[in-house]
Amino acid sequence: MSENVSAGTGETRTRRDEILAFIILAVVIWPLIAVGVVGGYGFLVWMSQLVFGPPGPPA
């Protein structure tokens, strides 16, 4: 009988932890990764233009 009570409590705690982890991932981690990837790509384009010049036909 005690096993069922503790298993139910553990299951509820696990579900709460999963929901909290999902919220942290969805609200904090993935947006930071997205901003980092886009910012990194922009930095790469910027640095390549400093080395090779702006895009377009040669002047």
PDB file of N, CA and C in Angstrom:
ATOM      1  N   MET A   1       0.830  -1.189   0.000  1.00  0.00           N
ATOM      2  CA  MET A   1       0.000   0.000   0.000  1.00  0.00           C
ATOM      3  C   MET A   1       0.874   1.252   0.000  1.00  0.00           C
ATOM      4  N   SER A   2       1.932   1.253   0.783  1.00  0.00           N
ATOM      5  CA  SER A   2       2.816   2.413   0.836  1.00  0.00           C
ATOM      6  C   SER A   2       3.490   2.649  -0.507  1.00  0.00           C
ATOM      7  N   GLU A   3       3.771   1.562  -1.233  1.00  0.00           N
ATOM      8  CA  GLU A   3       4.425   1.700  -2.533  1.00  0.00           C
ATOM      9  C   GLU A   3       3.539   2.475  -3.507  1.00  0.00           C
ATOM     10  N   ASN A   4       2.230   2.216  -3.493  1.00  0.00           N
ATOM     11  CA  ASN A   4       1.317   2.912  -4.398  1.00  0.00           C
ATOM     12  C   ASN A   4       1.265   4.411  -4.105  1.00  0.00           C
ATOM     13  N   VAL A   5       1.260   4.766  -2.836  1.00  0.00           N
ATOM     14  CA  VAL A   5       1.189   6.175  -2.463  1.00  0.00           C
ATOM     15  C   VAL A   5       2.463   6.887  -2.897  1.00  0.00           C
ATOM     16  N   SER A   6       3.623   6.288  -2.620  1.00  0.00           N
ATOM     17  CA  SER A   6       4.877   6.940  -2.991  1.00  0.00           C
ATOM     18  C   SER A   6       5.064   6.949  -4.504  1.00  0.00           C
ATOM     19  N   ALA A   7       4.582   5.898  -5.183  1.00  0.00           N
ATOM     20  CA  ALA A   7       4.696   5.873  -6.643  1.00  0.00           C
ATOM     21  C   ALA A   7       3.826   6.961  -7.254  1.00  0.00           C
ATOM     22  N   GLY A   8       2.635   7.165  -6.707  1.00  0.00           N
ATOM     23  CA  GLY A   8       1.763   8.224  -7.206  1.00  0.00           C
ATOM     24  C   GLY A   8       2.373   9.596  -6.973  1.00  0.00           C
ATOM     25  N   THR A   9       2.972   9.793  -5.824  1.00  0.00           N
ATOM     26  CA  THR A   9       3.618  11.071  -5.530  1.00  0.00           C
ATOM     27  C   THR A   9       4.814  11.283  -6.441  1.00  0.00           C
ATOM     28  N   GLY A  10       5.598  10.237  -6.655  1.00  0.00           N
ATOM     29  CA  GLY A  10       6.755  10.342  -7.541  1.00  0.00           C
ATOM     30  C   GLY A  10       6.340  10.627  -8.967  1.00  0.00           C
ATOM     31  N   GLU A  11       5.241  10.030  -9.407  1.00  0.00           N
ATOM     32  CA  GLU A  11       4.755  10.246 -10.772  1.00  0.00           C
ATOM     33  C   GLU A  11       4.296  11.692 -10.949  1.00  0.00           C
ATOM     34  N   THR A  12       3.607  12.232  -9.950  1.00  0.00           N
ATOM     35  CA  THR A  12       3.162  13.623 -10.016  1.00  0.00           C
ATOM     36  C   THR A  12       4.367  14.557 -10.034  1.00  0.00           C
ATOM     37  N   ARG A  13       5.351  14.272  -9.228  1.00  0.00           N
ATOM     38  CA  ARG A  13       6.559  15.097  -9.183  1.00  0.00           C
ATOM     39  C   ARG A  13       7.285  15.036 -10.521  1.00  0.00           C
ATOM     40  N   THR A  14       7.345  13.854 -11.122  1.00  0.00           N
ATOM     41  CA  THR A  14       8.004  13.707 -12.410  1.00  0.00           C
ATOM     42  C   THR A  14       7.256  14.496 -13.477  1.00  0.00           C
ATOM     43  N   ARG A  15       5.945  14.433 -13.482  1.00  0.00           N
ATOM     44  CA  ARG A  15       5.156  15.195 -14.462  1.00  0.00           C
ATOM     45  C   ARG A  15       5.374  16.695 -14.275  1.00  0.00           C
ATOM     46  N   ARG A  16       5.412  17.142 -13.042  1.00  0.00           N
ATOM     47  CA  ARG A  16       5.656  18.561 -12.765  1.00  0.00           C
ATOM     48  C   ARG A  16       7.041  18.961 -13.248  1.00  0.00           C
ATOM     49  N   ASP A  17       8.027  18.110 -13.009  1.00  0.00           N
ATOM     50  CA  ASP A  17       9.383  18.400 -13.474  1.00  0.00           C
ATOM     51  C   ASP A  17       9.449  18.458 -14.992  1.00  0.00           C
ATOM     52  N   GLU A  18       8.722  17.561 -15.659  1.00  0.00           N
ATOM     53  CA  GLU A  18       8.711  17.563 -17.126  1.00  0.00           C
ATOM     54  C   GLU A  18       8.064  18.834 -17.668  1.00  0.00           C
ATOM     55  N   ILE A  19       6.979  19.264 -17.050  1.00  0.00           N
ATOM     56  CA  ILE A  19       6.310  20.498 -17.490  1.00  0.00           C
ATOM     57  C   ILE A  19       7.228  21.696 -17.265  1.00  0.00           C
ATOM     58  N   LEU A  20       7.890  21.747 -16.128  1.00  0.00           N
ATOM     59  CA  LEU A  20       8.826  22.832 -15.842  1.00  0.00           C
ATOM     60  C   LEU A  20       9.988  22.825 -16.830  1.00  0.00           C
ATOM     61  N   ALA A  21      10.515  21.645 -17.123  1.00  0.00           N
ATOM     62  CA  ALA A  21      11.605  21.547 -18.096  1.00  0.00           C
ATOM     63  C   ALA A  21      11.145  21.996 -19.475  1.00  0.00           C
ATOM     64  N   PHE A  22       9.936  21.627 -19.871  1.00  0.00           N
ATOM     65  CA  PHE A  22       9.402  22.055 -21.166  1.00  0.00           C
ATOM     66  C   PHE A  22       9.260  23.568 -21.223  1.00  0.00           C
ATOM     67  N   ILE A  23       8.743  24.162 -20.160  1.00  0.00           N
ATOM     68  CA  ILE A  23       8.561  25.617 -20.144  1.00  0.00           C
ATOM     69  C   ILE A  23       9.912  26.319 -20.225  1.00  0.00           C
ATOM     70  N   ILE A  24      10.893  25.821 -19.487  1.00  0.00           N
ATOM     71  CA  ILE A  24      12.228  26.427 -19.537  1.00  0.00           C
ATOM     72  C   ILE A  24      12.814  26.295 -20.934  1.00  0.00           C
ATOM     73  N   LEU A  25      12.664  25.123 -21.545  1.00  0.00           N
ATOM     74  CA  LEU A  25      13.167  24.944 -22.908  1.00  0.00           C
ATOM     75  C   LEU A  25      12.443  25.848 -23.893  1.00  0.00           C
ATOM     76  N   ALA A  26      11.124  25.906 -23.803  1.00  0.00           N
ATOM     77  CA  ALA A  26      10.329  26.648 -24.783  1.00  0.00           C
ATOM     78  C   ALA A  26      10.476  28.154 -24.624  1.00  0.00           C
ATOM     79  N   VAL A  27      10.648  28.641 -23.402  1.00  0.00           N
ATOM     80  CA  VAL A  27      10.647  30.079 -23.165  1.00  0.00           C
ATOM     81  C   VAL A  27      12.058  30.654 -23.081  1.00  0.00           C
ATOM     82  N   VAL A  28      13.034  29.865 -22.629  1.00  0.00           N
ATOM     83  CA  VAL A  28      14.374  30.404 -22.389  1.00  0.00           C
ATOM     84  C   VAL A  28      15.406  29.838 -23.356  1.00  0.00           C
ATOM     85  N   ILE A  29      15.565  28.537 -23.369  1.00  0.00           N
ATOM     86  CA  ILE A  29      16.691  27.925 -24.073  1.00  0.00           C
ATOM     87  C   ILE A  29      16.566  28.065 -25.582  1.00  0.00           C
ATOM     88  N   TRP A  30      15.449  27.632 -26.173  1.00  0.00           N
ATOM     89  CA  TRP A  30      15.321  27.668 -27.640  1.00  0.00           C
ATOM     90  C   TRP A  30      15.347  29.076 -28.203  1.00  0.00           C
ATOM     91  N   PRO A  31      14.699  30.064 -27.582  1.00  0.00           N
ATOM     92  CA  PRO A  31      14.854  31.429 -28.109  1.00  0.00           C
ATOM     93  C   PRO A  31      16.303  31.920 -28.062  1.00  0.00           C
ATOM     94  N   LEU A  32      17.034  31.598 -26.997  1.00  0.00           N
ATOM     95  CA  LEU A  32      18.445  31.989 -26.936  1.00  0.00           C
ATOM     96  C   LEU A  32      19.259  31.310 -28.028  1.00  0.00           C
ATOM     97  N   ILE A  33      18.991  30.037 -28.279  1.00  0.00           N
ATOM     98  CA  ILE A  33      19.690  29.327 -29.350  1.00  0.00           C
ATOM     99  C   ILE A  33      19.355  29.947 -30.700  1.00  0.00           C
ATOM    100  N   ALA A  34      18.085  30.280 -30.925  1.00  0.00           N
ATOM    101  CA  ALA A  34      17.678  30.884 -32.200  1.00  0.00           C
ATOM    102  C   ALA A  34      18.364  32.228 -32.408  1.00  0.00           C
ATOM    103  N   VAL A  35      18.390  33.066 -31.379  1.00  0.00           N
ATOM    104  CA  VAL A  35      19.055  34.366 -31.487  1.00  0.00           C
ATOM    105  C   VAL A  35      20.548  34.172 -31.725  1.00  0.00           C
ATOM    106  N   GLY A  36      21.145  33.203 -31.068  1.00  0.00           N
ATOM    107  CA  GLY A  36      22.566  32.935 -31.266  1.00  0.00           C
ATOM    108  C   GLY A  36      22.890  32.466 -32.669  1.00  0.00           C
ATOM    109  N   VAL A  37      22.049  31.606 -33.228  1.00  0.00           N
ATOM    110  CA  VAL A  37      22.283  31.102 -34.589  1.00  0.00           C
ATOM    111  C   VAL A  37      22.132  32.229 -35.605  1.00  0.00           C
ATOM    112  N   VAL A  38      21.070  33.015 -35.488  1.00  0.00           N
ATOM    113  CA  VAL A  38      20.855  34.121 -36.428  1.00  0.00           C
ATOM    114  C   VAL A  38      21.958  35.167 -36.273  1.00  0.00           C
ATOM    115  N   GLY A  39      22.316  35.482 -35.050  1.00  0.00           N
ATOM    116  CA  GLY A  39      23.400  36.436 -34.814  1.00  0.00           C
ATOM    117  C   GLY A  39      24.732  35.924 -35.323  1.00  0.00           C
ATOM    118  N   GLY A  40      24.986  34.634 -35.143  1.00  0.00           N
ATOM    119  CA  GLY A  40      26.222  34.042 -35.657  1.00  0.00           C
ATOM    120  C   GLY A  40      26.286  34.077 -37.167  1.00  0.00           C
ATOM    121  N   TYR A  41      25.168  33.824 -37.818  1.00  0.00           N
ATOM    122  CA  TYR A  41      25.127  33.888 -39.280  1.00  0.00           C
ATOM    123  C   TYR A  41      25.363  35.324 -39.760  1.00  0.00           C
ATOM    124  N   GLY A  42      24.730  36.278 -39.101  1.00  0.00           N
ATOM    125  CA  GLY A  42      24.940  37.683 -39.450  1.00  0.00           C
ATOM    126  C   GLY A  42      26.388  38.096 -39.263  1.00  0.00           C
ATOM    127  N   PHE A  43      27.004  37.655 -38.192  1.00  0.00           N
ATOM    128  CA  PHE A  43      28.416  37.955 -37.951  1.00  0.00           C
ATOM    129  C   PHE A  43      29.294  37.330 -39.027  1.00  0.00           C
ATOM    130  N   LEU A  44      28.984  36.101 -39.427  1.00  0.00           N
ATOM    131  CA  LEU A  44      29.742  35.430 -40.484  1.00  0.00           C
ATOM    132  C   LEU A  44      29.639  36.193 -41.802  1.00  0.00           C
ATOM    133  N   VAL A  45      28.438  36.637 -42.157  1.00  0.00           N
ATOM    134  CA  VAL A  45      28.252  37.414 -43.389  1.00  0.00           C
ATOM    135  C   VAL A  45      29.008  38.735 -43.291  1.00  0.00           C
ATOM    136  N   TRP A  46      28.924  39.390 -42.154  1.00  0.00           N
ATOM    137  CA  TRP A  46      29.606  40.667 -41.958  1.00  0.00           C
ATOM    138  C   TRP A  46      31.119  40.511 -42.109  1.00  0.00           C
ATOM    139  N   MET A  47      31.687  39.491 -41.469  1.00  0.00           N
ATOM    140  CA  MET A  47      33.133  39.277 -41.555  1.00  0.00           C
ATOM    141  C   MET A  47      33.554  38.889 -42.972  1.00  0.00           C
ATOM    142  N   SER A  48      32.733  38.098 -43.655  1.00  0.00           N
ATOM    143  CA  SER A  48      33.086  37.724 -45.033  1.00  0.00           C
ATOM    144  C   SER A  48      33.044  38.949 -45.945  1.00  0.00           C
ATOM    145  N   GLN A  49      32.148  39.882 -45.692  1.00  0.00           N
ATOM    146  CA  GLN A  49      32.106  41.103 -46.490  1.00  0.00           C
ATOM    147  C   GLN A  49      33.290  42.015 -46.183  1.00  0.00           C
ATOM    148  N   LEU A  50      33.798  41.976 -44.970  1.00  0.00           N
ATOM    149  CA  LEU A  50      35.002  42.741 -44.662  1.00  0.00           C
ATOM    150  C   LEU A  50      36.208  42.190 -45.419  1.00  0.00           C
ATOM    151  N   VAL A  51      36.269  40.867 -45.576  1.00  0.00           N
ATOM    152  CA  VAL A  51      37.408  40.233 -46.242  1.00  0.00           C
ATOM    153  C   VAL A  51      37.258  40.298 -47.756  1.00  0.00           C
ATOM    154  N   PHE A  52      36.091  39.934 -48.289  1.00  0.00           N
ATOM    155  CA  PHE A  52      35.898  39.794 -49.737  1.00  0.00           C
ATOM    156  C   PHE A  52      35.207  40.988 -50.386  1.00  0.00           C
ATOM    157  N   GLY A  53      34.735  41.942 -49.624  1.00  0.00           N
ATOM    158  CA  GLY A  53      34.033  43.091 -50.183  1.00  0.00           C
ATOM    159  C   GLY A  53      32.541  42.847 -50.236  1.00  0.00           C
ATOM    160  N   PRO A  54      31.774  43.901 -50.510  1.00  0.00           N
ATOM    161  CA  PRO A  54      30.323  43.756 -50.543  1.00  0.00           C
ATOM    162  C   PRO A  54      29.871  42.924 -51.735  1.00  0.00           C
ATOM    163  N   PRO A  55      28.672  42.356 -51.659  1.00  0.00           N
ATOM    164  CA  PRO A  55      28.180  41.553 -52.774  1.00  0.00           C
ATOM    165  C   PRO A  55      27.820  42.433 -53.972  1.00  0.00           C
ATOM    166  N   GLY A  56      27.787  41.822 -55.120  1.00  0.00           N
ATOM    167  CA  GLY A  56      27.413  42.545 -56.334  1.00  0.00           C
ATOM    168  C   GLY A  56      28.536  42.516 -57.357  1.00  0.00           C
ATOM    169  N   PRO A  57      28.278  43.086 -58.523  1.00  0.00           N
ATOM    170  CA  PRO A  57      29.306  43.097 -59.559  1.00  0.00           C
ATOM    171  C   PRO A  57      30.465  44.014 -59.168  1.00  0.00           C
ATOM    172  N   PRO A  58      31.670  43.698 -59.634  1.00  0.00           N
ATOM    173  CA  PRO A  58      32.820  44.552 -59.304  1.00  0.00           C
ATOM    174  C   PRO A  58      32.635  45.957 -59.882  1.00  0.00           C
ATOM    175  N   ALA A  59      33.072  46.935 -59.154  1.00  0.00           N
ATOM    176  CA  ALA A  59      32.904  48.324 -59.600  1.00  0.00           C
ATOM    177  C   ALA A  59      34.007  48.730 -60.564  1.00  0.00           C
TER     178      ALA A  59
END
